[in-house]
């Protein structure tokens, strides 16, 4: 465990004011980073020493600033002993709202990327097929065929400016993160200057723009955007993606045995299950047989396919249609939703009327924040769980020593800049400029640990991303995969971590000592993963 050393270091950090700024009556030259010295002030985190006079000459001020810098370096080193890394568990479930599974009686699921998690090997197939559709059906230049899918280029949650052909990452306050705007495959200078896409779509859009710019070809940005999105849509509408998955389920479907374990466990504890998916029955049936077995329908109380989400949640006009065993439409009037039967389309309002599954006793899982979760939480009061596969990789990066030290020193250096900016003589400004340069380098290093072009999907340099803000708004829980449920009892209560507001004391550092960041504990979960 991090133990007493970490606890003592964290206490010293808190007593010295943390990152949030100096305490008005606690500035002392013996407290690293607390700010310019004040007469008679003393920081309770360090032993009392004889008063020291603030330097007055330029050279002395410069030496004073660098001394504070070195003191903060030592404090950060003490604050982060080697054991502090690997605190977060990639298989944990993270809570935005307090929710007790004891109160949940009904569990609902999307299919694609929720019950069935797909391998990244699917992305190059989608990219290449959509690229060829652009060339062969939309008559785009043959030269575009030279582009292959680059899995390390884009991340989820980016935004695209159609008029300027810019792919960018924005934060929760709608500001563009500097260094994350790309026109084609080339970065746009920071001084030059909404929709969430699939990774293959963003990559293809950037490649086509890159080709046109590289060959000085004029193009209509709106037409190009529509053509690329239509080509990606054709891959799905024509059933090509379904064919690839059906032909090699071992290659494309991940964690099927864990999906079966989750569903079986919930049913064994008396929970009711339902499935609402946009995919056709034949495709879902083959995938579920692969993961669960031929009797998979007996696990679900209601199964709805080709639901046409998100309009399923808002359009009252589409009635439910029953399918027979061969998947053909029946003409019966639907007065109840029967277990073991398959229904097509329909709408949420009839679903609620026929099942009476309402409010917080329903927990629905999906991978898309808008088409799966937003309406359910905002309009109908269901509890929601978001499946974010990228979470597992990001947590593994956060757990590295390089990330922890880089981020902590970056925050400490930011605190120094904030406190020492009162020194404005020429020599001090040179020191502050050097710190600013180092801070920017640290930001770039931390960003590149996740993705060289766009960084983390959850954060810009210091703010949450727009995607992250939507995730908090539309989901009670989020996790890397549905199998994370296996790590918790069915009556477990999830508590969100209390994070400080800007005007609050940074007491969250004490969580390093209490173990709050290590939930559930890695040791306790070793038998599961």
Protein backbone atom coordinates (compact mmCIF):
# COMPACT_ATOMS: atom_id res chain seq x y z
CA UNK A 1 0.00 0.00 0.00
CA UNK A 2 1.02 3.63 -0.38
CA UNK A 3 0.92 3.70 3.40
CA UNK A 4 2.17 6.23 5.89
CA UNK A 5 4.68 7.88 3.55
CA UNK A 6 1.97 8.83 1.08
CA UNK A 7 -0.37 9.91 3.88
CA UNK A 8 2.29 12.20 5.36
CA UNK A 9 3.19 13.67 1.97
CA UNK A 10 -0.47 14.30 1.17
CA UNK A 11 -0.97 16.03 4.50
CA UNK A 12 2.03 18.28 3.87
CA UNK A 13 0.56 19.11 0.47
CA UNK A 14 -2.81 19.98 1.97
CA UNK A 15 -1.35 22.01 4.83
CA UNK A 16 0.69 24.03 2.37
CA UNK A 17 -2.39 24.97 0.41
CA UNK A 18 -2.29 22.40 -2.39
CA UNK A 19 -2.81 23.64 -5.93
CA UNK A 20 -5.72 25.91 -5.14
CA UNK A 21 -3.55 28.87 -4.08
CA UNK A 22 -1.93 30.11 -0.90
CA UNK A 23 -3.82 30.60 2.31
CA UNK A 24 -3.96 34.26 3.17
CA UNK A 25 -2.17 33.88 6.50
CA UNK A 26 0.06 30.92 5.70
CA UNK A 27 2.75 32.21 3.32
CA UNK A 28 6.27 31.39 4.38
CA UNK A 29 9.56 31.02 2.51
CA UNK A 30 9.95 27.65 4.26
CA UNK A 31 6.75 26.33 2.63
CA UNK A 32 7.51 25.42 -1.00
CA UNK A 33 5.10 26.92 -3.45
CA UNK A 34 2.95 28.80 -0.92
CA UNK A 35 3.65 32.13 -2.54
CA UNK A 36 5.57 35.31 -1.80
CA UNK A 37 6.63 35.48 1.86
CA UNK A 38 4.58 37.57 4.26
CA UNK A 39 5.66 39.04 7.60
CA UNK A 40 5.06 36.78 10.57
CA UNK A 41 3.26 34.11 8.49
CA UNK A 42 3.85 30.45 9.11
CA UNK A 43 2.73 27.30 7.30
CA UNK A 44 1.68 24.60 9.82
CA UNK A 45 3.03 21.91 7.50
CA UNK A 46 6.68 22.62 8.29
CA UNK A 47 8.71 23.48 11.41
CA UNK A 48 8.75 27.16 12.42
CA UNK A 49 11.98 28.92 11.46
CA UNK A 50 13.44 32.38 11.75
CA UNK A 51 11.72 35.00 9.58
CA UNK A 52 13.39 35.61 6.23
CA UNK A 53 13.34 38.82 4.25
CA UNK A 54 12.07 38.77 0.67
CA UNK A 55 14.84 39.39 -1.86
CA UNK A 56 14.75 42.72 -3.64
CA UNK A 57 17.33 42.66 -6.43
CA UNK A 58 16.71 40.95 -9.78
CA UNK A 59 19.38 38.28 -9.37
CA UNK A 60 18.25 37.48 -5.85
CA UNK A 61 14.61 37.26 -6.96
CA UNK A 62 15.55 34.88 -9.76
CA UNK A 63 17.44 32.66 -7.31
CA UNK A 64 14.47 32.81 -4.94
CA UNK A 65 12.09 31.60 -7.66
CA UNK A 66 14.35 28.74 -8.68
CA UNK A 67 14.70 27.76 -5.03
CA UNK A 68 10.90 27.55 -4.76
CA UNK A 69 10.94 25.48 -7.97
CA UNK A 70 13.41 22.98 -6.52
CA UNK A 71 11.47 22.79 -3.24
CA UNK A 72 8.30 21.96 -5.15
CA UNK A 73 10.18 19.34 -7.17
CA UNK A 74 11.19 17.59 -3.97
CA UNK A 75 7.67 17.80 -2.55
CA UNK A 76 6.19 16.22 -5.67
CA UNK A 77 8.78 13.45 -5.50
CA UNK A 78 7.80 12.73 -1.89
CA UNK A 79 4.10 12.94 -2.71
CA UNK A 80 4.30 10.18 -5.33
CA UNK A 81 6.19 7.13 -4.10
CA UNK A 82 6.27 4.18 -6.55
CA UNK A 83 3.30 2.48 -4.87
CA UNK A 84 0.93 5.29 -5.86
CA UNK A 85 0.71 4.01 -9.45
CA UNK A 86 -1.80 1.36 -10.55
CA UNK A 87 -4.47 2.62 -8.16
CA UNK A 88 -7.33 2.57 -10.66
CA UNK A 89 -8.84 -0.68 -11.85
CA UNK A 90 -9.67 -0.84 -15.58
CA UNK A 91 -12.43 -3.36 -14.80
CA UNK A 92 -14.18 -1.10 -12.30
CA UNK A 93 -17.52 0.67 -12.78
CA UNK A 94 -17.51 4.43 -12.26
CA UNK A 95 -20.49 6.37 -10.95
CA UNK A 96 -21.75 9.82 -11.93
CA UNK A 97 -24.77 9.46 -9.63
CA UNK A 98 -25.43 7.39 -6.54
CA UNK A 99 -27.27 4.24 -7.55
CA UNK A 100 -28.08 1.03 -5.68
CA UNK A 101 -28.45 -2.11 -7.76
CA UNK A 102 -30.73 -3.40 -5.00
CA UNK A 103 -33.41 -1.01 -6.34
CA UNK A 104 -33.01 -2.11 -9.97
CA UNK A 105 -35.56 -4.72 -11.00
CA UNK A 106 -35.29 -4.52 -14.80
CA UNK A 107 -32.14 -4.48 -16.94
CA UNK A 108 -32.19 -3.37 -20.57
CA UNK A 109 -29.48 -3.64 -23.21
CA UNK A 110 -28.48 -2.45 -26.63
CA UNK A 111 -26.86 -5.14 -28.78
CA UNK A 112 -24.01 -3.76 -30.92
CA UNK A 113 -20.99 -2.70 -28.84
CA UNK A 114 -22.93 -3.47 -25.64
CA UNK A 115 -23.97 -7.12 -25.41
CA UNK A 116 -21.71 -7.84 -28.38
CA UNK A 117 -18.37 -6.05 -28.15
CA UNK A 118 -16.52 -5.94 -31.46
CA UNK A 119 -12.81 -6.12 -32.12
CA UNK A 120 -10.99 -3.12 -33.59
CA UNK A 121 -10.27 -5.29 -36.64
CA UNK A 122 -13.73 -4.25 -37.85
CA UNK A 123 -12.65 -0.62 -38.38
CA UNK A 124 -10.28 -1.20 -41.34
CA UNK A 125 -13.00 -3.20 -43.08
CA UNK A 126 -15.53 -0.37 -42.71
CA UNK A 127 -12.98 2.22 -43.82
CA UNK A 128 -11.80 0.33 -46.91
CA UNK A 129 -15.31 -0.57 -48.07
CA UNK A 130 -16.62 2.99 -47.64
CA UNK A 131 -13.52 4.34 -49.44
CA UNK A 132 -14.20 2.04 -52.39
CA UNK A 133 -17.88 3.08 -52.43
CA UNK A 134 -16.77 6.71 -52.74
CA UNK A 135 -14.58 5.87 -55.73
CA UNK A 136 -16.86 3.43 -57.54
CA UNK A 137 -20.32 4.85 -56.84
CA UNK A 138 -19.69 8.54 -56.07
CA UNK A 139 -16.91 8.84 -58.71
CA UNK A 140 -14.24 10.23 -56.37
CA UNK A 141 -10.61 10.23 -57.66
CA UNK A 142 -8.91 6.85 -57.91
CA UNK A 143 -5.96 8.28 -56.00
CA UNK A 144 -7.96 8.09 -52.76
CA UNK A 145 -7.51 4.32 -52.85
CA UNK A 146 -3.90 4.75 -51.68
CA UNK A 147 -5.13 5.68 -48.18
CA UNK A 148 -5.37 2.91 -45.61
CA UNK A 149 -7.00 3.03 -42.19
CA UNK A 150 -4.77 4.50 -39.47
CA UNK A 151 -6.04 3.25 -36.09
CA UNK A 152 -3.92 5.76 -34.16
CA UNK A 153 -5.17 8.91 -35.91
CA UNK A 154 -8.60 9.73 -34.47
CA UNK A 155 -10.41 9.24 -31.18
CA UNK A 156 -14.09 9.10 -30.30
CA UNK A 157 -15.96 12.30 -29.47
CA UNK A 158 -14.37 14.65 -32.01
CA UNK A 159 -16.30 17.39 -33.79
CA UNK A 160 -16.21 18.35 -37.47
CA UNK A 161 -16.62 21.87 -38.86
CA UNK A 162 -18.16 21.26 -42.29
CA UNK A 163 -17.54 24.75 -43.67
CA UNK A 164 -13.83 24.76 -42.78
CA UNK A 165 -13.21 20.99 -43.15
CA UNK A 166 -11.76 20.91 -39.63
CA UNK A 167 -11.72 17.89 -37.36
CA UNK A 168 -11.22 19.04 -33.79
CA UNK A 169 -11.53 18.25 -30.12
CA UNK A 170 -13.53 20.63 -27.95
CA UNK A 171 -13.93 20.86 -24.22
CA UNK A 172 -17.01 21.00 -22.01
CA UNK A 173 -17.21 24.78 -22.50
CA UNK A 174 -17.06 24.54 -26.33
CA UNK A 175 -13.47 25.75 -26.61
CA UNK A 176 -11.15 24.01 -29.08
CA UNK A 177 -8.15 22.39 -27.40
CA UNK A 178 -5.03 23.94 -28.91
CA UNK A 179 -3.06 21.54 -31.05
CA UNK A 180 -6.05 19.29 -31.81
CA UNK A 181 -7.47 20.87 -34.99
CA UNK A 182 -6.76 19.00 -38.24
CA UNK A 183 -7.59 19.82 -41.83
CA UNK A 184 -7.20 16.55 -43.64
CA UNK A 185 -4.28 14.78 -42.01
CA UNK A 186 -2.35 17.97 -41.28
CA UNK A 187 -2.50 19.98 -38.03
CA UNK A 188 -3.88 23.50 -38.24
CA UNK A 189 -1.85 26.25 -36.52
CA UNK A 190 -3.41 27.33 -33.24
CA UNK A 191 -3.71 30.92 -34.36
CA UNK A 192 -5.94 30.06 -37.36
CA UNK A 193 -8.68 29.77 -35.81
CA UNK A 194 -20.82 18.74 -34.02
CA UNK A 195 -21.25 15.80 -34.40
CA UNK A 196 -19.80 12.56 -32.88
CA UNK A 197 -18.63 10.10 -35.52
CA UNK A 198 -17.38 6.57 -35.74
CA UNK A 199 -13.62 6.16 -35.98
CA UNK A 200 -13.63 4.86 -39.59
CA UNK A 201 -15.83 7.79 -40.64
CA UNK A 202 -13.50 10.39 -39.13
CA UNK A 203 -10.46 8.71 -40.63
CA UNK A 204 -11.99 8.51 -44.13
CA UNK A 205 -13.20 12.10 -43.98
CA UNK A 206 -9.69 13.28 -43.10
CA UNK A 207 -8.08 11.18 -45.84
CA UNK A 208 -10.40 12.49 -48.56
CA UNK A 209 -9.84 16.10 -47.48
CA UNK A 210 -6.10 15.42 -47.37
CA UNK A 211 -6.17 14.14 -50.96
CA UNK A 212 -8.08 17.14 -52.29
CA UNK A 213 -5.83 19.62 -50.51
CA UNK A 214 -2.67 17.79 -51.56
CA UNK A 215 -3.72 17.92 -55.22
CA UNK A 216 -5.08 21.50 -55.06
CA UNK A 217 -8.56 20.34 -56.06
CA UNK A 218 -11.53 22.54 -55.32
CA UNK A 219 -14.40 20.84 -53.51
CA UNK A 220 -17.65 21.65 -51.77
CA UNK A 221 -17.16 20.92 -48.07
CA UNK A 222 -20.82 20.14 -47.43
CA UNK A 223 -21.04 17.73 -50.39
CA UNK A 224 -17.86 15.95 -49.37
CA UNK A 225 -19.10 15.54 -45.82
CA UNK A 226 -22.45 14.14 -47.00
CA UNK A 227 -20.83 11.75 -49.48
CA UNK A 228 -18.47 10.31 -46.88
CA UNK A 229 -21.22 9.86 -44.27
CA UNK A 230 -23.48 8.29 -46.94
CA UNK A 231 -20.71 5.86 -47.91
CA UNK A 232 -20.25 4.82 -44.28
CA UNK A 233 -24.03 4.47 -43.97
CA UNK A 234 -24.10 2.23 -47.06
CA UNK A 235 -21.73 -0.19 -45.32
CA UNK A 236 -24.39 -0.67 -42.63
CA UNK A 237 -27.55 -0.37 -44.75
CA UNK A 238 -26.34 -2.95 -47.25
CA UNK A 239 -25.57 -5.35 -44.44
CA UNK A 240 -21.87 -5.61 -45.25
CA UNK A 241 -20.75 -5.23 -41.65
CA UNK A 242 -23.22 -7.90 -40.59
CA UNK A 243 -21.80 -10.28 -43.20
CA UNK A 244 -18.21 -9.83 -42.01
CA UNK A 245 -19.13 -10.49 -38.39
CA UNK A 246 -21.29 -13.51 -39.21
CA UNK A 247 -18.51 -15.06 -41.28
CA UNK A 248 -15.93 -14.90 -38.48
CA UNK A 249 -17.50 -14.37 -35.06
CA UNK A 250 -14.42 -15.64 -33.25
CA UNK A 251 -12.43 -12.80 -34.81
CA UNK A 252 -14.88 -9.95 -34.35
CA UNK A 253 -16.92 -10.68 -31.18
CA UNK A 254 -15.12 -10.21 -27.87
CA UNK A 255 -15.99 -11.45 -24.35
CA UNK A 256 -18.97 -13.49 -25.41
CA UNK A 257 -18.60 -15.86 -22.47
CA UNK A 258 -18.62 -12.91 -20.07
CA UNK A 259 -21.82 -11.55 -21.64
CA UNK A 260 -23.44 -14.93 -21.02
CA UNK A 261 -22.21 -14.86 -17.40
CA UNK A 262 -23.69 -11.38 -16.84
CA UNK A 263 -27.11 -12.29 -18.25
CA UNK A 264 -27.31 -15.65 -16.45
CA UNK A 265 -26.36 -14.07 -13.14
CA UNK A 266 -29.03 -11.39 -13.39
CA UNK A 267 -31.74 -13.91 -14.27
CA UNK A 268 -30.64 -16.16 -11.40
CA UNK A 269 -31.24 -13.24 -9.03
CA UNK A 270 -34.77 -12.67 -10.30
CA UNK A 271 -34.10 -9.68 -12.56
CA UNK A 272 -36.13 -9.06 -15.73
CA UNK A 273 -34.19 -8.44 -18.95
CA UNK A 274 -35.01 -6.83 -22.28
CA UNK A 275 -33.13 -6.07 -25.50
CA UNK A 276 -33.72 -3.08 -27.81
CA UNK A 277 -31.47 -2.94 -30.89
CA UNK A 278 -31.40 -1.41 -34.36
CA UNK A 279 -29.88 -4.56 -35.82
CA UNK A 280 -32.00 -7.16 -37.70
CA UNK A 281 -33.13 -10.36 -35.99
CA UNK A 282 -31.10 -12.77 -38.15
CA UNK A 283 -27.88 -10.98 -37.23
CA UNK A 284 -28.71 -10.71 -33.52
CA UNK A 285 -29.83 -14.33 -33.39
CA UNK A 286 -26.54 -15.62 -34.82
CA UNK A 287 -24.48 -13.44 -32.51
CA UNK A 288 -26.44 -14.40 -29.40
CA UNK A 289 -26.27 -18.09 -30.30
CA UNK A 290 -22.50 -17.70 -30.55
CA UNK A 291 -22.20 -15.95 -27.17
CA UNK A 292 -25.04 -17.48 -25.12
CA UNK A 293 -26.37 -20.54 -26.92
CA UNK A 294 -29.52 -21.58 -28.82
CA UNK A 295 -31.85 -20.80 -25.88
CA UNK A 296 -30.70 -17.19 -25.50
CA UNK A 297 -34.25 -15.83 -25.97
CA UNK A 298 -35.35 -17.48 -22.73
CA UNK A 299 -33.13 -15.07 -20.81
CA UNK A 300 -35.06 -12.02 -22.06
CA UNK A 301 -38.58 -11.00 -21.19
CA UNK A 302 -38.78 -8.73 -24.28
CA UNK A 303 -36.68 -8.62 -27.47
CA UNK A 304 -37.09 -5.75 -29.96
CA UNK A 305 -35.08 -5.60 -33.20
CA UNK A 306 -34.81 -2.94 -35.94
CA UNK A 307 -36.07 -0.46 -33.36
CA UNK A 308 -34.83 2.59 -35.28
CA UNK A 309 -33.32 4.33 -32.28
CA UNK A 310 -33.26 7.18 -31.37
CA UNK A 311 -36.69 7.82 -32.96
CA UNK A 312 -37.91 4.74 -31.06
CA UNK A 313 -37.76 6.90 -27.93
CA UNK A 314 -39.64 9.90 -29.34
CA UNK A 315 -41.93 8.82 -32.24
CA UNK A 316 -45.27 7.39 -31.07
CA UNK A 317 -46.49 6.49 -34.57
CA UNK A 318 -44.59 3.24 -35.21
CA UNK A 319 -46.42 0.16 -33.89
CA UNK A 320 -44.82 -3.07 -32.75
CA UNK A 321 -44.77 -5.93 -35.27
CA UNK A 322 -44.30 -9.56 -34.24
CA UNK A 323 -41.89 -11.86 -36.11
CA UNK A 324 -42.39 -15.59 -36.52
CA UNK A 325 -39.67 -18.21 -35.98
CA UNK A 326 -38.26 -17.58 -39.47
CA UNK A 327 -38.13 -13.83 -38.98
CA UNK A 328 -41.17 -13.04 -41.17
CA UNK A 329 -43.59 -10.27 -40.18
CA UNK A 330 -46.92 -11.17 -38.57
CA UNK A 331 -50.06 -9.03 -38.76
CA UNK A 332 -51.41 -9.66 -35.26
CA UNK A 333 -52.38 -6.69 -33.17
CA UNK A 334 -49.95 -6.42 -30.24
CA UNK A 335 -51.72 -6.22 -26.87
CA UNK A 336 -48.85 -7.57 -24.78
CA UNK A 337 -45.14 -8.28 -25.18
CA UNK A 338 -44.49 -11.98 -24.66
CA UNK A 339 -41.34 -13.65 -23.41
CA UNK A 340 -39.52 -15.63 -26.09
CA UNK A 341 -41.14 -13.68 -28.95
CA UNK A 342 -39.40 -11.22 -31.27
CA UNK A 343 -40.82 -7.77 -32.06
CA UNK A 344 -39.79 -5.22 -34.65
CA UNK A 345 -39.86 -1.40 -34.51
CA UNK A 346 -42.49 -0.06 -32.10
CA UNK A 347 -41.95 2.89 -29.78
CA UNK A 348 -41.03 3.51 -26.18
CA UNK A 349 -44.45 4.85 -25.21
CA UNK A 350 -46.21 1.60 -26.15
CA UNK A 351 -43.32 -0.29 -24.54
CA UNK A 352 -43.91 1.51 -21.24
CA UNK A 353 -47.67 0.99 -21.45
CA UNK A 354 -47.39 -2.74 -22.16
CA UNK A 355 -44.62 -3.55 -19.64
CA UNK A 356 -45.19 -0.89 -16.93
CA UNK A 357 -41.39 -0.73 -16.53
CA UNK A 358 -40.94 2.85 -15.49
CA UNK A 359 -38.58 5.12 -13.60
CA UNK A 360 -35.43 4.32 -11.62
CA UNK A 361 -36.14 0.62 -11.21
CA UNK A 362 -35.02 0.25 -14.86
CA UNK A 363 -31.30 0.32 -15.76
CA UNK A 364 -30.48 0.45 -19.48
CA UNK A 365 -27.01 -0.08 -20.99
CA UNK A 366 -25.83 1.29 -24.32
CA UNK A 367 -22.69 2.53 -26.06
CA UNK A 368 -24.08 5.67 -27.73
CA UNK A 369 -24.80 8.59 -25.43
CA UNK A 370 -27.41 10.19 -27.69
CA UNK A 371 -29.22 7.41 -29.52
CA UNK A 372 -29.17 5.03 -26.53
CA UNK A 373 -29.19 6.96 -23.28
CA UNK A 374 -30.12 10.66 -23.47
CA UNK A 375 -33.91 10.42 -23.88
CA UNK A 376 -34.21 7.59 -21.38
CA UNK A 377 -32.56 9.59 -18.62
CA UNK A 378 -33.91 13.06 -19.41
CA UNK A 379 -37.52 12.22 -20.30
CA UNK A 380 -38.33 8.91 -18.67
CA UNK A 381 -36.23 8.74 -15.51
CA UNK A 382 -34.53 5.43 -16.28
CA UNK A 383 -31.09 4.79 -14.82
CA UNK A 384 -28.47 4.43 -17.52
CA UNK A 385 -25.08 2.78 -17.97
CA UNK A 386 -22.64 3.76 -20.72
CA UNK A 387 -20.26 1.24 -22.28
CA UNK A 388 -17.00 3.02 -23.14
CA UNK A 389 -14.42 0.49 -24.45
CA UNK A 390 -11.69 3.16 -24.59
CA UNK A 391 -11.89 3.49 -20.80
CA UNK A 392 -9.81 0.38 -20.19
CA UNK A 393 -6.83 1.63 -22.20
CA UNK A 394 -7.01 5.15 -20.75
CA UNK A 395 -6.99 3.85 -17.18
CA UNK A 396 -3.96 1.68 -17.93
CA UNK A 397 -2.17 4.82 -19.14
CA UNK A 398 -3.29 6.81 -16.09
CA UNK A 399 -1.82 4.06 -13.90
CA UNK A 400 1.67 4.45 -15.38
CA UNK A 401 4.44 6.14 -13.43
CA UNK A 402 5.17 8.42 -16.40
CA UNK A 403 1.63 9.78 -16.45
CA UNK A 404 1.33 10.21 -12.67
CA UNK A 405 4.62 12.09 -12.34
CA UNK A 406 4.08 14.17 -15.48
CA UNK A 407 0.59 15.27 -14.45
CA UNK A 408 1.44 15.95 -10.80
CA UNK A 409 4.49 18.01 -11.66
CA UNK A 410 2.47 19.86 -14.30
CA UNK A 411 -0.14 20.79 -11.68
CA UNK A 412 2.53 21.81 -9.18
CA UNK A 413 4.26 23.96 -11.79
CA UNK A 414 0.95 25.61 -12.64
CA UNK A 415 0.53 26.44 -8.96
CA UNK A 416 3.99 28.01 -8.89
CA UNK A 417 3.17 30.14 -11.93
CA UNK A 418 -0.06 31.29 -10.33
CA UNK A 419 1.60 32.28 -7.08
CA UNK A 420 4.86 33.73 -8.34
CA UNK A 421 3.41 35.95 -11.06
CA UNK A 422 3.60 38.87 -8.60
CA UNK A 423 7.30 39.11 -9.41
CA UNK A 424 7.47 41.18 -12.59
CA UNK A 425 11.09 42.37 -12.82
CA UNK A 426 13.01 41.38 -15.96
CA UNK A 427 14.91 38.48 -14.39
CA UNK A 428 11.76 37.04 -12.78
CA UNK A 429 9.84 37.25 -16.05
CA UNK A 430 12.56 35.16 -17.69
CA UNK A 431 12.13 32.52 -14.99
CA UNK A 432 8.34 32.53 -15.39
CA UNK A 433 8.71 32.25 -19.18
CA UNK A 434 10.94 29.19 -18.73
CA UNK A 435 8.31 27.64 -16.46
CA UNK A 436 5.57 28.37 -18.99
CA UNK A 437 7.60 26.65 -21.70
CA UNK A 438 8.17 23.61 -19.48
CA UNK A 439 4.48 23.51 -18.60
CA UNK A 440 3.49 23.46 -22.28
CA UNK A 441 5.99 20.67 -22.97
CA UNK A 442 4.53 18.66 -20.10
CA UNK A 443 1.03 19.17 -21.50
CA UNK A 444 2.10 17.86 -24.90
CA UNK A 445 3.83 14.85 -23.36
CA UNK A 446 0.77 13.96 -21.28
CA UNK A 447 -1.56 14.40 -24.27
CA UNK A 448 0.59 12.17 -26.51
CA UNK A 449 0.45 9.32 -24.00
CA UNK A 450 -3.18 8.81 -25.08
CA UNK A 451 -3.15 9.90 -28.72
CA UNK A 452 -0.52 11.98 -30.55
CA UNK A 453 -3.10 14.07 -32.41
CA UNK A 454 -6.02 14.47 -30.01
CA UNK A 455 -5.05 13.13 -26.57
CA UNK A 456 -7.58 11.62 -24.15
CA UNK A 457 -11.25 11.28 -25.07
CA UNK A 458 -12.16 12.44 -21.55
CA UNK A 459 -9.98 15.54 -21.01
CA UNK A 460 -8.43 18.49 -22.77
CA UNK A 461 -5.38 19.94 -21.02
CA UNK A 462 -7.35 20.82 -17.88
CA UNK A 463 -11.09 20.70 -18.65
CA UNK A 464 -13.34 17.72 -19.36
CA UNK A 465 -14.06 17.22 -23.05
CA UNK A 466 -17.46 17.84 -24.57
CA UNK A 467 -17.80 14.05 -24.82
CA UNK A 468 -16.96 13.68 -21.13
CA UNK A 469 -19.53 16.30 -20.17
CA UNK A 470 -22.23 14.45 -22.14
CA UNK A 471 -21.14 11.20 -20.51
CA UNK A 472 -21.71 12.70 -17.05
CA UNK A 473 -25.03 14.21 -18.13
CA UNK A 474 -26.56 11.12 -19.73
CA UNK A 475 -25.21 8.18 -17.70
CA UNK A 476 -25.42 7.17 -14.06
CA UNK A 477 -22.65 4.60 -14.50
CA UNK A 478 -19.94 4.03 -17.07
CA UNK A 479 -17.56 1.15 -17.66
CA UNK A 480 -15.29 -0.42 -20.27
CA UNK A 481 -17.54 -3.40 -20.91
CA UNK A 482 -20.68 -5.06 -19.64
CA UNK A 483 -18.53 -7.77 -18.05
CA UNK A 484 -17.49 -5.25 -15.37
CA UNK A 485 -20.83 -6.06 -13.70
CA UNK A 486 -19.35 -9.44 -12.74
CA UNK A 487 -17.09 -7.67 -10.26
CA UNK A 488 -19.98 -6.46 -8.08
CA UNK A 489 -22.83 -7.96 -6.09
CA UNK A 490 -26.31 -7.48 -7.52
CA UNK A 491 -27.19 -5.34 -4.49
CA UNK A 492 -24.07 -3.16 -4.68
CA UNK A 493 -24.41 0.62 -4.18
CA UNK A 494 -22.25 2.90 -6.33
CA UNK A 495 -21.17 6.23 -4.86
CA UNK A 496 -19.76 9.02 -7.03
CA UNK A 497 -16.47 10.47 -5.92
CA UNK A 498 -16.79 13.99 -4.52
CA UNK A 499 -14.55 16.20 -6.63
CA UNK A 500 -13.77 19.74 -5.46
CA UNK A 501 -15.18 22.82 -7.12
CA UNK A 502 -12.77 25.61 -7.98
CA UNK A 503 -13.55 27.49 -4.74
CA UNK A 504 -13.28 24.41 -2.49
CA UNK A 505 -10.22 23.09 -0.64
CA UNK A 506 -8.48 20.28 -2.55
CA UNK A 507 -9.31 17.66 0.06
CA UNK A 508 -9.63 15.04 -2.67
CA UNK A 509 -5.91 14.36 -2.25
CA UNK A 510 -6.82 12.56 0.96
CA UNK A 511 -8.52 9.93 -1.17
CA UNK A 512 -5.05 8.67 -2.03
CA UNK A 513 -4.76 7.70 1.62
CA UNK A 514 -8.25 6.28 2.16
CA UNK A 515 -8.26 4.03 -0.89
CA UNK A 516 -11.26 5.69 -2.55
CA UNK A 517 -9.43 5.73 -5.86
CA UNK A 518 -8.97 1.97 -5.71
CA UNK A 519 -12.58 0.81 -5.98
CA UNK A 520 -13.11 -2.04 -6.24
CA UNK A 521 -9.76 -3.07 -4.79
CA UNK A 522 -7.45 -4.80 -7.22
CA UNK A 523 -6.60 -7.49 -4.72
CA UNK A 524 -10.24 -8.30 -4.07
CA UNK A 525 -10.89 -8.67 -7.80
CA UNK A 526 -7.88 -10.83 -8.65
CA UNK A 527 -10.00 -13.99 -8.70
CA UNK A 528 -12.32 -12.45 -11.32
CA UNK A 529 -9.71 -11.10 -13.74
